[in-house]
N, C-alpha and C. Protein backbone atom coordinates (compact mmCIF):
# COMPACT_ATOMS: atom_id res chain seq x y z
N MET A 1 166.96 82.92 226.43
CA MET A 1 166.60 81.90 225.47
C MET A 1 165.55 82.46 224.52
N SER A 2 165.74 82.28 223.23
CA SER A 2 164.79 82.81 222.25
C SER A 2 163.64 81.84 222.02
N GLU A 3 162.56 82.38 221.48
CA GLU A 3 161.41 81.55 221.18
C GLU A 3 161.70 80.65 220.00
N ARG A 4 160.99 79.57 219.91
CA ARG A 4 161.12 78.61 218.83
C ARG A 4 160.53 79.21 217.55
N ALA A 5 161.24 79.09 216.45
CA ALA A 5 160.73 79.55 215.16
C ALA A 5 159.73 78.53 214.64
N ALA A 6 158.59 78.99 214.23
CA ALA A 6 157.52 78.09 213.78
C ALA A 6 157.46 78.02 212.26
N PRO A 7 157.35 76.82 211.71
CA PRO A 7 157.13 76.70 210.26
C PRO A 7 155.71 77.16 209.93
N PHE A 8 155.52 77.66 208.72
CA PHE A 8 154.20 78.13 208.30
C PHE A 8 153.35 77.04 207.67
N PHE A 9 154.00 76.01 207.11
CA PHE A 9 153.25 74.94 206.47
C PHE A 9 154.05 73.64 206.53
N CYS A 10 153.37 72.53 206.36
CA CYS A 10 154.00 71.21 206.37
C CYS A 10 154.83 71.03 205.10
N PRO A 11 156.08 70.56 205.21
CA PRO A 11 156.90 70.36 204.02
C PRO A 11 156.45 69.18 203.17
N TYR A 12 155.54 68.35 203.68
CA TYR A 12 155.08 67.18 202.95
C TYR A 12 153.76 67.41 202.22
N CYS A 13 152.78 68.02 202.90
CA CYS A 13 151.46 68.18 202.28
C CYS A 13 151.05 69.64 202.09
N GLY A 14 151.78 70.58 202.71
CA GLY A 14 151.45 71.99 202.57
C GLY A 14 150.37 72.49 203.52
N ASP A 15 149.85 71.63 204.36
CA ASP A 15 148.81 72.03 205.31
C ASP A 15 149.38 72.98 206.36
N GLU A 16 148.53 73.80 206.94
CA GLU A 16 148.96 74.77 207.95
C GLU A 16 148.58 74.37 209.37
N ASP A 17 148.03 73.17 209.54
CA ASP A 17 147.61 72.70 210.86
C ASP A 17 148.79 72.02 211.56
N LEU A 18 149.78 72.82 211.99
CA LEU A 18 150.98 72.31 212.63
C LEU A 18 150.96 72.61 214.12
N ARG A 19 151.51 71.69 214.88
CA ARG A 19 151.60 71.87 216.33
C ARG A 19 152.96 71.37 216.79
N PRO A 20 153.53 72.01 217.81
CA PRO A 20 154.81 71.52 218.35
C PRO A 20 154.64 70.09 218.87
N SER A 21 155.66 69.29 218.67
CA SER A 21 155.65 67.90 219.13
C SER A 21 156.40 67.78 220.44
N GLU A 22 156.03 66.80 221.22
CA GLU A 22 156.72 66.52 222.47
C GLU A 22 157.99 65.71 222.24
N ALA A 23 158.30 65.40 220.99
CA ALA A 23 159.47 64.57 220.66
C ALA A 23 160.79 65.28 220.89
N GLY A 24 160.78 66.61 221.01
CA GLY A 24 162.02 67.32 221.27
C GLY A 24 162.05 68.68 220.59
N HIS A 25 163.18 69.35 220.76
CA HIS A 25 163.37 70.70 220.21
C HIS A 25 163.31 70.67 218.68
N GLY A 26 162.49 71.52 218.10
CA GLY A 26 162.36 71.61 216.65
C GLY A 26 161.44 70.58 216.03
N ALA A 27 160.77 69.77 216.85
CA ALA A 27 159.89 68.73 216.34
C ALA A 27 158.47 69.28 216.19
N TRP A 28 157.84 68.94 215.07
CA TRP A 28 156.50 69.41 214.76
C TRP A 28 155.64 68.26 214.27
N GLU A 29 154.33 68.40 214.44
CA GLU A 29 153.35 67.41 213.97
C GLU A 29 152.39 68.10 213.03
N CYS A 30 152.12 67.47 211.89
CA CYS A 30 151.11 67.97 210.95
C CYS A 30 149.85 67.15 211.16
N HIS A 31 148.77 67.84 211.49
CA HIS A 31 147.51 67.13 211.72
C HIS A 31 146.71 67.00 210.43
N GLY A 32 147.26 67.50 209.32
CA GLY A 32 146.64 67.30 208.02
C GLY A 32 147.00 65.94 207.43
N CYS A 33 148.32 65.63 207.42
CA CYS A 33 148.77 64.36 206.85
C CYS A 33 149.28 63.39 207.92
N ARG A 34 149.23 63.83 209.18
CA ARG A 34 149.61 63.01 210.33
C ARG A 34 151.08 62.60 210.32
N ARG A 35 151.94 63.46 209.76
CA ARG A 35 153.38 63.22 209.77
C ARG A 35 154.03 64.05 210.86
N ALA A 36 155.14 63.55 211.37
CA ALA A 36 155.95 64.29 212.33
C ALA A 36 157.30 64.56 211.67
N PHE A 37 157.84 65.75 211.91
CA PHE A 37 159.13 66.10 211.33
C PHE A 37 159.88 67.01 212.28
N GLN A 38 161.17 67.18 212.01
CA GLN A 38 162.00 68.02 212.86
C GLN A 38 162.77 69.01 212.00
N LEU A 39 162.83 70.26 212.48
CA LEU A 39 163.57 71.31 211.80
C LEU A 39 164.86 71.60 212.55
N LYS A 40 165.92 71.88 211.79
CA LYS A 40 167.21 72.17 212.42
C LYS A 40 167.92 73.23 211.60
N PHE A 41 168.37 74.28 212.26
CA PHE A 41 169.14 75.34 211.62
C PHE A 41 170.59 74.89 211.54
N LEU A 42 171.15 74.87 210.32
CA LEU A 42 172.52 74.41 210.14
C LEU A 42 173.54 75.54 210.11
N GLY A 43 173.14 76.73 209.69
CA GLY A 43 174.06 77.86 209.62
C GLY A 43 173.78 78.71 208.40
N LEU A 44 174.59 79.72 208.21
CA LEU A 44 174.45 80.63 207.07
C LEU A 44 175.41 80.23 205.96
N LEU A 45 174.98 80.42 204.72
CA LEU A 45 175.82 80.15 203.56
C LEU A 45 176.63 81.38 203.20
N SER A 46 177.86 81.18 202.81
CA SER A 46 178.66 82.30 202.32
C SER A 46 178.45 82.41 200.82
N PRO A 47 178.75 83.56 200.20
CA PRO A 47 178.57 83.71 198.75
C PRO A 47 179.37 82.68 197.95
N THR A 48 180.48 82.20 198.48
CA THR A 48 181.29 81.20 197.76
C THR A 48 180.84 79.78 198.07
N ASN A 49 179.90 79.63 198.99
CA ASN A 49 179.44 78.30 199.39
C ASN A 49 177.94 78.17 199.18
N GLY A 50 177.46 78.51 197.98
CA GLY A 50 176.05 78.34 197.66
C GLY A 50 175.19 79.56 197.86
N GLY A 51 175.77 80.68 198.28
CA GLY A 51 174.99 81.90 198.46
C GLY A 51 174.64 82.51 197.12
N ASN A 52 173.78 83.48 197.13
CA ASN A 52 173.32 84.15 195.92
C ASN A 52 174.39 85.10 195.40
N GLN A 53 174.68 85.07 194.11
CA GLN A 53 175.70 85.93 193.52
C GLN A 53 175.34 87.41 193.68
N SER A 54 174.04 87.73 193.71
CA SER A 54 173.63 89.13 193.84
C SER A 54 173.90 89.68 195.24
N ASP A 55 174.23 88.78 196.19
CA ASP A 55 174.55 89.23 197.55
C ASP A 55 175.93 89.85 197.63
N ARG A 56 176.78 89.64 196.61
CA ARG A 56 178.13 90.18 196.63
C ARG A 56 178.11 91.67 196.35
N HIS A 57 178.99 92.37 197.00
CA HIS A 57 179.06 93.81 196.82
C HIS A 57 180.45 94.21 196.31
N ASP A 58 180.89 93.54 195.22
CA ASP A 58 182.18 93.88 194.63
C ASP A 58 182.03 95.12 193.77
N ASP A 59 182.72 96.18 194.13
CA ASP A 59 182.62 97.44 193.37
C ASP A 59 183.85 97.68 192.53
């Protein structure tokens, strides 16, 4: 099992005082603005599905 990826700052106020929440996997608490939020990885984008055009290697 891999370690949990930690966010660097709160998506609401930008504060860096974040702590894991007991609410579940991917849940975090910001002690700057007192908000709780959850992060979830959805998957990777393909170049035809919103990826960067410079990622293509068409020669």
